[in-house]
Amino acid sequence: MKILIKLLVILTLSLTSTQAQNLTAKINTSEVKIENIKIEVEVDSAEEIESTFTIDDFESLLNEADEGEELSFKIKCNGEKMSNGVKSSMSYEIKGNTSDKKTFLESIKKLREAAI
């Protein structure tokens, strides 16, 4: 019985030690795909909105995305503390698709102006 256990242990050790330890893989970095763009901005003042993002920033980002990708933009404007001690806030959110980038950008312009 001892001999059988020794043989099983030796066999197990030899099988596990002879397995290949180095793995090789090829990674293709030439193809980058942007999917489901979701941007969330939290600001405390109108000055932060003006300095945080511009419409040109969004245009360049949308030009990188493929057609038919989902888009989402949300801005949360923090306000003053209320009488109950809770900090007030208001959020605006726009959802769209890259197949209609022009409408999405117009909505962002309107949202930015409203938040300011």
Protein backbone atom coordinates (compact mmCIF):
# COMPACT_ATOMS: atom_id res chain seq x y z
CA MET A 1 0.00 0.00 0.00
CA LYS A 2 2.86 2.36 0.85
CA ILE A 3 4.46 1.66 -2.50
CA LEU A 4 1.21 2.49 -4.31
CA ILE A 5 0.86 5.82 -2.48
CA LYS A 6 4.52 6.68 -3.20
CA LEU A 7 4.00 5.89 -6.88
CA LEU A 8 0.87 8.09 -7.05
CA VAL A 9 2.69 10.98 -5.35
CA ILE A 10 5.69 10.67 -7.68
CA LEU A 11 3.43 10.46 -10.72
CA THR A 12 1.42 13.51 -9.62
CA LEU A 13 4.55 15.54 -8.92
CA SER A 14 6.13 14.63 -12.23
CA LEU A 15 2.98 15.53 -14.17
CA THR A 16 2.53 18.91 -12.48
CA SER A 17 6.19 19.88 -12.77
CA THR A 18 6.43 19.06 -16.47
CA GLN A 19 3.61 21.37 -17.52
CA ALA A 20 4.65 24.41 -19.54
CA GLN A 21 5.08 27.47 -17.34
CA ASN A 22 5.51 30.16 -20.00
CA LEU A 23 2.55 31.33 -22.01
CA THR A 24 2.77 33.52 -25.07
CA ALA A 25 0.04 35.56 -26.68
CA LYS A 26 -0.27 38.17 -29.37
CA ILE A 27 -2.15 41.35 -28.57
CA ASN A 28 -3.41 43.48 -31.41
CA THR A 29 -3.19 47.11 -30.32
CA SER A 30 -3.71 48.60 -33.74
CA GLU A 31 -7.49 48.30 -33.52
CA VAL A 32 -9.18 50.32 -30.79
CA LYS A 33 -12.95 50.44 -30.53
CA ILE A 34 -14.92 52.84 -28.35
CA GLU A 35 -18.30 51.58 -27.18
CA ASN A 36 -21.08 52.95 -25.00
CA ILE A 37 -19.74 56.37 -24.08
CA LYS A 38 -21.01 57.53 -20.70
CA ILE A 39 -19.82 60.81 -19.24
CA GLU A 40 -20.80 62.09 -15.79
CA VAL A 41 -19.74 65.50 -14.50
CA GLU A 42 -20.33 66.83 -10.99
CA VAL A 43 -19.87 70.55 -10.43
CA ASP A 44 -20.36 73.05 -7.62
CA SER A 45 -20.51 76.30 -9.59
CA ALA A 46 -21.13 77.79 -13.04
CA GLU A 47 -17.41 78.54 -13.33
CA GLU A 48 -16.66 74.84 -12.99
CA ILE A 49 -19.11 74.04 -15.79
CA GLU A 50 -17.43 76.54 -18.09
CA SER A 51 -13.95 75.26 -17.28
CA THR A 52 -14.77 71.53 -17.13
CA PHE A 53 -15.96 70.87 -20.65
CA THR A 54 -16.55 72.51 -24.00
CA ILE A 55 -18.59 71.39 -26.98
CA ASP A 56 -15.34 70.91 -28.95
CA ASP A 57 -14.29 68.27 -26.40
CA PHE A 58 -17.45 66.31 -27.11
CA GLU A 59 -17.12 66.68 -30.87
CA SER A 60 -13.63 65.19 -30.84
CA LEU A 61 -14.76 62.34 -28.59
CA LEU A 62 -17.79 61.53 -30.75
CA ASN A 63 -15.63 61.49 -33.88
CA GLU A 64 -13.69 58.59 -32.36
CA ALA A 65 -16.82 56.47 -31.78
CA ASP A 66 -18.31 54.11 -34.35
CA GLU A 67 -21.82 54.46 -35.73
CA GLY A 68 -24.63 52.99 -33.66
CA GLU A 69 -22.93 53.31 -30.26
CA GLU A 70 -24.95 54.38 -27.23
CA LEU A 71 -24.17 57.77 -25.68
CA SER A 72 -24.99 59.18 -22.28
CA PHE A 73 -24.09 62.51 -20.70
CA LYS A 74 -25.05 63.51 -17.17
CA ILE A 75 -24.24 66.64 -15.23
CA LYS A 76 -24.95 66.99 -11.52
CA CYS A 77 -25.03 70.53 -10.15
CA ASN A 78 -24.47 70.75 -6.40
CA GLY A 79 -26.17 73.56 -4.53
CA GLU A 80 -26.20 75.00 -1.04
CA LYS A 81 -27.10 73.07 2.08
CA MET A 82 -30.79 73.15 2.87
CA SER A 83 -32.28 73.88 6.29
CA ASN A 84 -32.32 70.16 7.12
CA GLY A 85 -28.54 69.89 6.52
CA VAL A 86 -28.79 67.97 3.25
CA LYS A 87 -26.83 69.36 0.32
CA SER A 88 -29.16 70.21 -2.56
CA SER A 89 -28.41 69.05 -6.09
CA MET A 90 -29.97 68.85 -9.52
CA SER A 91 -29.09 66.50 -12.38
CA TYR A 92 -29.57 66.69 -16.12
CA GLU A 93 -29.10 63.63 -18.32
CA ILE A 94 -29.07 63.13 -22.08
CA LYS A 95 -29.08 59.77 -23.82
CA GLY A 96 -28.51 59.28 -27.51
CA ASN A 97 -26.76 57.36 -30.24
CA THR A 98 -23.75 58.08 -32.45
CA SER A 99 -25.92 57.69 -35.53
CA ASP A 100 -27.30 61.17 -34.73
CA LYS A 101 -24.28 63.03 -33.35
CA LYS A 102 -25.53 66.45 -34.41
CA THR A 103 -28.71 66.24 -32.32
CA PHE A 104 -26.76 64.87 -29.35
CA LEU A 105 -24.29 67.78 -29.51
CA GLU A 106 -27.14 70.30 -29.75
CA SER A 107 -28.72 68.74 -26.67
CA ILE A 108 -25.43 69.01 -24.80
CA LYS A 109 -25.17 72.71 -25.75
CA LYS A 110 -28.68 73.33 -24.39
CA LEU A 111 -27.97 71.32 -21.24
CA ARG A 112 -24.71 73.22 -20.63
CA GLU A 113 -26.45 76.59 -21.01
CA ALA A 114 -29.29 75.51 -18.70
CA ALA A 115 -26.84 74.28 -16.06
CA ILE A 116 -24.87 77.54 -16.16
